[in-house]
Amino acid sequence: MPAASLEFRDVSKSYSDGAGPTEVLHHISLAVAPGAVTALLGRSGCGKTTLLHLAGAMDFPTSGDVLIDGRATGTLSDSELTALRRTRVGFVFQFFQLLPTLTALENVELPLLLAGTAGATEKARDRLRWVGLEEKAASLPYQLSGGQMQRVAVARALVHSPDILIADEPTGNLDTASGDQVLQLLHDAAAHFGATVLLATHSTEAAAIASTRVHLRDGRIQTIEHS
């Protein structure tokens, strides 16, 4: 299977409050390299997280289109959007978002159970093994370090072999060594699973794993670097 294509085509995004609309993204046009890591760089408030939400069809542009394999997310039905999020997109968040009453294995297994996928437990165990935490399968989140929790979150994001992996400041709460482990896993997700990885970070060190680095400022693309 070819890697998923992800494209932002003249995308703008505004939010309305009592003072009127606030434009967060301004005419973003970007083709995300399939099967590779693309990093979004910039200060807090520059639009990185909003762009990730649009990429994962968790939100939709005010104008322009976000296309996955040529289809605009805004044209998909509710059932198609649910299927997209459950089967084709994986998410890794800064604050892990593990369910505290579930074990590491159960947290990884949950997306498969929600999707009604057969063999969920063994697939979840395989992803835990891939992130080097099979021996922590029965541990609850409070029994894990921050780095281990984020590795469980990576396993959960990859358990359904998504075409697109979205990571929002995935090393923001980690020490350098733990962060490096997580970044290596994200790099390997593109290399081994063929995932199209979109990574938001303020860290140039984290962005070093990317083959494309997109610098944002005030909701606009400043520069794009390739390596």
C-alpha atoms as a PDB file:
ATOM      1  CA  MET A   1       0.000   0.000   0.000  1.00  0.00           C
ATOM      2  CA  PRO A   2       1.354   3.456  -0.846  1.00  0.00           C
ATOM      3  CA  ALA A   3       1.710   5.846   2.084  1.00  0.00           C
ATOM      4  CA  ALA A   4      -1.179   8.227   2.697  1.00  0.00           C
ATOM      5  CA  SER A   5      -1.073  11.622   1.056  1.00  0.00           C
ATOM      6  CA  LEU A   6      -1.952  14.623   3.218  1.00  0.00           C
ATOM      7  CA  GLU A   7      -2.341  18.087   1.766  1.00  0.00           C
ATOM      8  CA  PHE A   8      -3.421  21.498   3.022  1.00  0.00           C
ATOM      9  CA  ARG A   9      -4.755  23.591   0.167  1.00  0.00           C
ATOM     10  CA  ASP A  10      -5.105  27.334   0.888  1.00  0.00           C
ATOM     11  CA  VAL A  11      -6.324  26.579   4.424  1.00  0.00           C
ATOM     12  CA  SER A  12      -7.429  29.309   6.796  1.00  0.00           C
ATOM     13  CA  LYS A  13      -9.009  28.804  10.220  1.00  0.00           C
ATOM     14  CA  SER A  14     -10.902  31.298  12.371  1.00  0.00           C
ATOM     15  CA  TYR A  15     -12.560  30.994  15.757  1.00  0.00           C
ATOM     16  CA  SER A  16     -15.331  33.280  16.938  1.00  0.00           C
ATOM     17  CA  ASP A  17     -15.720  34.736  20.396  1.00  0.00           C
ATOM     18  CA  GLY A  18     -17.510  37.720  21.857  1.00  0.00           C
ATOM     19  CA  ALA A  19     -15.001  40.094  20.310  1.00  0.00           C
ATOM     20  CA  GLY A  20     -15.443  38.660  16.836  1.00  0.00           C
ATOM     21  CA  PRO A  21     -13.505  36.155  14.718  1.00  0.00           C
ATOM     22  CA  THR A  22      -9.859  35.424  15.421  1.00  0.00           C
ATOM     23  CA  GLU A  23      -7.911  34.033  12.482  1.00  0.00           C
ATOM     24  CA  VAL A  24      -5.443  31.355  13.645  1.00  0.00           C
ATOM     25  CA  LEU A  25      -4.218  30.050  10.281  1.00  0.00           C
ATOM     26  CA  HIS A  26      -3.749  32.137   7.153  1.00  0.00           C
ATOM     27  CA  HIS A  27      -3.773  30.551   3.676  1.00  0.00           C
ATOM     28  CA  ILE A  28      -1.676  27.486   4.488  1.00  0.00           C
ATOM     29  CA  SER A  29      -0.702  25.398   1.471  1.00  0.00           C
ATOM     30  CA  LEU A  30       1.435  22.370   2.242  1.00  0.00           C
ATOM     31  CA  ALA A  31       1.875  18.864   0.843  1.00  0.00           C
ATOM     32  CA  VAL A  32       3.048  16.543   3.640  1.00  0.00           C
ATOM     33  CA  ALA A  33       5.607  14.001   2.449  1.00  0.00           C
ATOM     34  CA  PRO A  34       4.029  10.515   2.549  1.00  0.00           C
ATOM     35  CA  GLY A  35       5.783   7.829   4.585  1.00  0.00           C
ATOM     36  CA  ALA A  36       8.166  10.330   6.203  1.00  0.00           C
ATOM     37  CA  VAL A  37       8.355  12.724   9.163  1.00  0.00           C
ATOM     38  CA  THR A  38       7.343  16.353   8.720  1.00  0.00           C
ATOM     39  CA  ALA A  39       7.925  18.717  11.658  1.00  0.00           C
ATOM     40  CA  LEU A  40       5.909  21.854  12.366  1.00  0.00           C
ATOM     41  CA  LEU A  41       8.079  24.347  14.235  1.00  0.00           C
ATOM     42  CA  GLY A  42       7.222  27.588  15.956  1.00  0.00           C
ATOM     43  CA  ARG A  43       6.368  29.299  19.211  1.00  0.00           C
ATOM     44  CA  SER A  44       3.245  28.543  21.237  1.00  0.00           C
ATOM     45  CA  GLY A  45       0.251  30.120  19.532  1.00  0.00           C
ATOM     46  CA  CYS A  46       1.693  29.983  16.020  1.00  0.00           C
ATOM     47  CA  GLY A  47      -0.986  27.519  14.843  1.00  0.00           C
ATOM     48  CA  LYS A  48       0.809  24.155  15.114  1.00  0.00           C
ATOM     49  CA  THR A  49      -1.865  22.392  17.179  1.00  0.00           C
ATOM     50  CA  THR A  50      -4.690  23.799  15.074  1.00  0.00           C
ATOM     51  CA  LEU A  51      -2.974  22.453  11.966  1.00  0.00           C
ATOM     52  CA  LEU A  52      -2.684  19.017  13.614  1.00  0.00           C
ATOM     53  CA  HIS A  53      -6.382  19.011  14.509  1.00  0.00           C
ATOM     54  CA  LEU A  54      -7.220  19.789  10.892  1.00  0.00           C
ATOM     55  CA  ALA A  55      -4.882  17.024   9.673  1.00  0.00           C
ATOM     56  CA  GLY A  56      -6.610  14.468  11.906  1.00  0.00           C
ATOM     57  CA  ALA A  57     -10.120  15.605  10.937  1.00  0.00           C
ATOM     58  CA  MET A  58     -10.754  16.640  14.540  1.00  0.00           C
ATOM     59  CA  ASP A  59     -11.589  20.100  13.199  1.00  0.00           C
ATOM     60  CA  PHE A  60     -12.200  21.611   9.785  1.00  0.00           C
ATOM     61  CA  PRO A  61     -10.911  24.698   7.972  1.00  0.00           C
ATOM     62  CA  THR A  62     -12.941  27.869   7.718  1.00  0.00           C
ATOM     63  CA  SER A  63     -11.807  28.080   4.107  1.00  0.00           C
ATOM     64  CA  GLY A  64      -9.664  25.907   1.881  1.00  0.00           C
ATOM     65  CA  ASP A  65      -9.378  22.113   2.025  1.00  0.00           C
ATOM     66  CA  VAL A  66      -7.523  19.444   3.948  1.00  0.00           C
ATOM     67  CA  LEU A  67      -7.163  16.422   1.680  1.00  0.00           C
ATOM     68  CA  ILE A  68      -6.313  12.850   2.658  1.00  0.00           C
ATOM     69  CA  ASP A  69      -5.620  10.756  -0.403  1.00  0.00           C
ATOM     70  CA  GLY A  70      -7.301  13.439  -2.466  1.00  0.00           C
ATOM     71  CA  ARG A  71     -10.555  13.608  -0.469  1.00  0.00           C
ATOM     72  CA  ALA A  72     -11.434  16.768   1.441  1.00  0.00           C
ATOM     73  CA  THR A  73     -12.148  15.955   5.088  1.00  0.00           C
ATOM     74  CA  GLY A  74     -14.965  18.505   5.116  1.00  0.00           C
ATOM     75  CA  THR A  75     -16.919  16.439   2.561  1.00  0.00           C
ATOM     76  CA  LEU A  76     -16.881  13.206   4.586  1.00  0.00           C
ATOM     77  CA  SER A  77     -19.975  11.914   6.369  1.00  0.00           C
ATOM     78  CA  ASP A  78     -20.022  11.340  10.135  1.00  0.00           C
ATOM     79  CA  SER A  79     -19.556   7.598   9.660  1.00  0.00           C
ATOM     80  CA  GLU A  80     -16.663   8.153   7.241  1.00  0.00           C
ATOM     81  CA  LEU A  81     -15.020  10.560   9.707  1.00  0.00           C
ATOM     82  CA  THR A  82     -15.368   8.051  12.550  1.00  0.00           C
ATOM     83  CA  ALA A  83     -13.823   5.330  10.404  1.00  0.00           C
ATOM     84  CA  LEU A  84     -11.013   7.670   9.348  1.00  0.00           C
ATOM     85  CA  ARG A  85     -10.110   8.555  12.937  1.00  0.00           C
ATOM     86  CA  ARG A  86     -10.363   4.968  14.190  1.00  0.00           C
ATOM     87  CA  THR A  87      -8.535   3.182  11.400  1.00  0.00           C
ATOM     88  CA  ARG A  88      -6.327   5.596   9.468  1.00  0.00           C
ATOM     89  CA  VAL A  89      -5.099   8.205  11.961  1.00  0.00           C
ATOM     90  CA  GLY A  90      -3.118   7.784  15.187  1.00  0.00           C
ATOM     91  CA  PHE A  91      -2.583  10.509  17.789  1.00  0.00           C
ATOM     92  CA  VAL A  92       0.213  11.096  20.330  1.00  0.00           C
ATOM     93  CA  PHE A  93      -0.322  13.954  22.800  1.00  0.00           C
ATOM     94  CA  GLN A  94       1.990  15.909  25.084  1.00  0.00           C
ATOM     95  CA  PHE A  95       0.167  14.768  28.226  1.00  0.00           C
ATOM     96  CA  PHE A  96      -0.073  11.062  27.263  1.00  0.00           C
ATOM     97  CA  GLN A  97      -3.885  10.829  27.811  1.00  0.00           C
ATOM     98  CA  LEU A  98      -3.751   7.270  29.103  1.00  0.00           C
ATOM     99  CA  LEU A  99      -6.817   6.075  31.019  1.00  0.00           C
ATOM    100  CA  PRO A 100      -5.645   5.771  34.653  1.00  0.00           C
ATOM    101  CA  THR A 101      -7.763   2.729  35.535  1.00  0.00           C
ATOM    102  CA  LEU A 102      -6.559   0.642  32.571  1.00  0.00           C
ATOM    103  CA  THR A 103      -3.267  -1.244  32.387  1.00  0.00           C
ATOM    104  CA  ALA A 104      -0.701  -0.411  29.733  1.00  0.00           C
ATOM    105  CA  LEU A 105      -1.922  -3.341  27.636  1.00  0.00           C
ATOM    106  CA  GLU A 106      -5.573  -2.322  28.019  1.00  0.00           C
ATOM    107  CA  ASN A 107      -4.794   1.280  27.032  1.00  0.00           C
ATOM    108  CA  VAL A 108      -3.094   0.071  23.850  1.00  0.00           C
ATOM    109  CA  GLU A 109      -5.888  -2.412  23.150  1.00  0.00           C
ATOM    110  CA  LEU A 110      -8.724   0.094  23.554  1.00  0.00           C
ATOM    111  CA  PRO A 111      -8.750   1.571  20.000  1.00  0.00           C
ATOM    112  CA  LEU A 112      -9.024  -1.941  18.553  1.00  0.00           C
ATOM    113  CA  LEU A 113     -11.888  -2.839  20.898  1.00  0.00           C
ATOM    114  CA  LEU A 114     -13.735   0.344  19.921  1.00  0.00           C
ATOM    115  CA  ALA A 115     -13.283  -0.554  16.262  1.00  0.00           C
ATOM    116  CA  GLY A 116     -14.378  -4.172  16.833  1.00  0.00           C
ATOM    117  CA  THR A 117     -11.052  -5.530  15.570  1.00  0.00           C
ATOM    118  CA  ALA A 118     -10.369  -9.237  16.035  1.00  0.00           C
ATOM    119  CA  GLY A 119      -7.256 -10.351  17.913  1.00  0.00           C
ATOM    120  CA  ALA A 120      -7.006  -7.052  19.781  1.00  0.00           C
ATOM    121  CA  THR A 121      -5.046  -8.338  22.770  1.00  0.00           C
ATOM    122  CA  GLU A 122      -2.275  -9.963  20.748  1.00  0.00           C
ATOM    123  CA  LYS A 123      -1.969  -6.956  18.438  1.00  0.00           C
ATOM    124  CA  ALA A 124      -1.730  -4.665  21.464  1.00  0.00           C
ATOM    125  CA  ARG A 125       0.916  -6.879  23.034  1.00  0.00           C
ATOM    126  CA  ASP A 126       2.895  -6.816  19.790  1.00  0.00           C
ATOM    127  CA  ARG A 127       2.917  -2.992  19.761  1.00  0.00           C
ATOM    128  CA  LEU A 128       3.973  -2.899  23.424  1.00  0.00           C
ATOM    129  CA  ARG A 129       6.788  -5.245  22.488  1.00  0.00           C
ATOM    130  CA  TRP A 130       7.758  -2.924  19.631  1.00  0.00           C
ATOM    131  CA  VAL A 131       8.134   0.058  21.994  1.00  0.00           C
ATOM    132  CA  GLY A 132      10.112  -2.114  24.436  1.00  0.00           C
ATOM    133  CA  LEU A 133       7.508  -2.303  27.190  1.00  0.00           C
ATOM    134  CA  GLU A 134       6.014  -5.787  26.992  1.00  0.00           C
ATOM    135  CA  GLU A 135       7.112  -6.416  30.592  1.00  0.00           C
ATOM    136  CA  LYS A 136       4.965  -3.441  31.707  1.00  0.00           C
ATOM    137  CA  ALA A 137       1.760  -4.805  30.158  1.00  0.00           C
ATOM    138  CA  ALA A 138       0.018  -5.237  33.543  1.00  0.00           C
ATOM    139  CA  SER A 139       1.194  -1.899  34.982  1.00  0.00           C
ATOM    140  CA  LEU A 140      -1.175   1.004  35.560  1.00  0.00           C
ATOM    141  CA  PRO A 141      -0.109   4.447  34.288  1.00  0.00           C
ATOM    142  CA  TYR A 142       0.825   5.721  37.778  1.00  0.00           C
ATOM    143  CA  GLN A 143       3.346   2.873  38.002  1.00  0.00           C
ATOM    144  CA  LEU A 144       5.159   4.082  34.878  1.00  0.00           C
ATOM    145  CA  SER A 145       7.642   6.898  34.298  1.00  0.00           C
ATOM    146  CA  GLY A 146       6.749   9.766  31.982  1.00  0.00           C
ATOM    147  CA  GLY A 147       8.880   8.286  29.227  1.00  0.00           C
ATOM    148  CA  GLN A 148       7.237   4.887  29.623  1.00  0.00           C
ATOM    149  CA  MET A 149       3.766   6.436  29.549  1.00  0.00           C
ATOM    150  CA  GLN A 150       4.587   8.219  26.306  1.00  0.00           C
ATOM    151  CA  ARG A 151       5.932   5.008  24.785  1.00  0.00           C
ATOM    152  CA  VAL A 152       2.640   3.305  25.734  1.00  0.00           C
ATOM    153  CA  ALA A 153       0.860   6.209  24.036  1.00  0.00           C
ATOM    154  CA  VAL A 154       2.949   5.656  20.893  1.00  0.00           C
ATOM    155  CA  ALA A 155       2.056   1.951  20.970  1.00  0.00           C
ATOM    156  CA  ARG A 156      -1.627   2.870  21.290  1.00  0.00           C
ATOM    157  CA  ALA A 157      -1.385   5.324  18.376  1.00  0.00           C
ATOM    158  CA  LEU A 158       0.208   2.656  16.182  1.00  0.00           C
ATOM    159  CA  VAL A 159      -1.844  -0.366  17.256  1.00  0.00           C
ATOM    160  CA  HIS A 160      -4.161  -0.131  14.250  1.00  0.00           C
ATOM    161  CA  SER A 161      -1.276   0.552  11.823  1.00  0.00           C
ATOM    162  CA  PRO A 162      -2.511   4.033  10.880  1.00  0.00           C
ATOM    163  CA  ASP A 163      -1.613   5.677   7.610  1.00  0.00           C
ATOM    164  CA  ILE A 164      -1.136   9.029   9.365  1.00  0.00           C
ATOM    165  CA  LEU A 165       0.484   9.552  12.771  1.00  0.00           C
ATOM    166  CA  ILE A 166      -0.002  12.935  14.436  1.00  0.00           C
ATOM    167  CA  ALA A 167       2.218  13.905  17.380  1.00  0.00           C
ATOM    168  CA  ASP A 168       1.647  17.126  19.341  1.00  0.00           C
ATOM    169  CA  GLU A 169       4.724  18.154  21.383  1.00  0.00           C
ATOM    170  CA  PRO A 170       5.356  14.464  22.240  1.00  0.00           C
ATOM    171  CA  THR A 171       8.577  15.217  24.140  1.00  0.00           C
ATOM    172  CA  GLY A 172       7.365  18.372  25.897  1.00  0.00           C
ATOM    173  CA  ASN A 173       7.042  16.665  29.307  1.00  0.00           C
ATOM    174  CA  LEU A 174      10.039  14.343  29.055  1.00  0.00           C
ATOM    175  CA  ASP A 175      13.690  14.448  30.003  1.00  0.00           C
ATOM    176  CA  THR A 176      16.228  14.356  27.191  1.00  0.00           C
ATOM    177  CA  ALA A 177      16.882  10.594  27.272  1.00  0.00           C
ATOM    178  CA  SER A 178      13.183   9.659  27.373  1.00  0.00           C
ATOM    179  CA  GLY A 179      12.408  12.210  24.684  1.00  0.00           C
ATOM    180  CA  ASP A 180      15.095  10.764  22.442  1.00  0.00           C
ATOM    181  CA  GLN A 181      13.536   7.292  22.804  1.00  0.00           C
ATOM    182  CA  VAL A 182      10.119   8.612  21.800  1.00  0.00           C
ATOM    183  CA  LEU A 183      11.538  10.530  18.831  1.00  0.00           C
ATOM    184  CA  GLN A 184      13.303   7.401  17.622  1.00  0.00           C
ATOM    185  CA  LEU A 185      10.000   5.519  17.771  1.00  0.00           C
ATOM    186  CA  LEU A 186       8.284   8.211  15.705  1.00  0.00           C
ATOM    187  CA  HIS A 187      11.094   8.099  13.161  1.00  0.00           C
ATOM    188  CA  ASP A 188      10.831   4.297  13.065  1.00  0.00           C
ATOM    189  CA  ALA A 189       7.046   4.496  12.630  1.00  0.00           C
ATOM    190  CA  ALA A 190       7.645   6.175   9.284  1.00  0.00           C
ATOM    191  CA  ALA A 191      10.526   3.879   8.333  1.00  0.00           C
ATOM    192  CA  HIS A 192       9.036   0.529   9.411  1.00  0.00           C
ATOM    193  CA  PHE A 193       5.274   1.040   9.162  1.00  0.00           C
ATOM    194  CA  GLY A 194       5.215   3.556   6.323  1.00  0.00           C
ATOM    195  CA  ALA A 195       3.244   6.042   8.398  1.00  0.00           C
ATOM    196  CA  THR A 196       2.991   9.648   7.279  1.00  0.00           C
ATOM    197  CA  VAL A 197       4.141  11.401  10.475  1.00  0.00           C
ATOM    198  CA  LEU A 198       3.236  15.015  11.277  1.00  0.00           C
ATOM    199  CA  LEU A 199       5.056  16.279  14.363  1.00  0.00           C
ATOM    200  CA  ALA A 200       4.472  19.605  16.120  1.00  0.00           C
ATOM    201  CA  THR A 201       7.318  20.816  18.309  1.00  0.00           C
ATOM    202  CA  HIS A 202       9.074  23.961  19.487  1.00  0.00           C
ATOM    203  CA  SER A 203      12.325  22.003  19.777  1.00  0.00           C
ATOM    204  CA  THR A 204      14.853  22.106  16.949  1.00  0.00           C
ATOM    205  CA  GLU A 205      16.405  18.944  18.435  1.00  0.00           C
ATOM    206  CA  ALA A 206      13.092  17.089  18.115  1.00  0.00           C
ATOM    207  CA  ALA A 207      12.629  18.414  14.582  1.00  0.00           C
ATOM    208  CA  ALA A 208      15.978  16.934  13.597  1.00  0.00           C
ATOM    209  CA  ILE A 209      14.281  13.548  12.973  1.00  0.00           C
ATOM    210  CA  ALA A 210      12.179  15.105  10.223  1.00  0.00           C
ATOM    211  CA  SER A 211      13.006  15.127   6.541  1.00  0.00           C
ATOM    212  CA  THR A 212      10.886  18.279   6.158  1.00  0.00           C
ATOM    213  CA  ARG A 213      10.699  21.150   8.643  1.00  0.00           C
ATOM    214  CA  VAL A 214       7.946  23.744   8.315  1.00  0.00           C
ATOM    215  CA  HIS A 215       8.490  26.953  10.294  1.00  0.00           C
ATOM    216  CA  LEU A 216       5.293  28.734  11.313  1.00  0.00           C
ATOM    217  CA  ARG A 217       4.847  32.240  12.646  1.00  0.00           C
ATOM    218  CA  ASP A 218       1.526  33.852  13.529  1.00  0.00           C
ATOM    219  CA  GLY A 219      -0.442  31.260  11.586  1.00  0.00           C
ATOM    220  CA  ARG A 220       1.604  31.544   8.407  1.00  0.00           C
ATOM    221  CA  ILE A 221       4.329  29.429   6.847  1.00  0.00           C
ATOM    222  CA  GLN A 222       7.632  31.273   7.031  1.00  0.00           C
ATOM    223  CA  THR A 223      10.010  28.723   5.537  1.00  0.00           C
ATOM    224  CA  ILE A 224      10.150  25.056   4.557  1.00  0.00           C
ATOM    225  CA  GLU A 225      13.419  23.129   4.850  1.00  0.00           C
ATOM    226  CA  HIS A 226      14.204  19.722   3.393  1.00  0.00           C
ATOM    227  CA  SER A 227      17.024  17.356   4.322  1.00  0.00           C
END
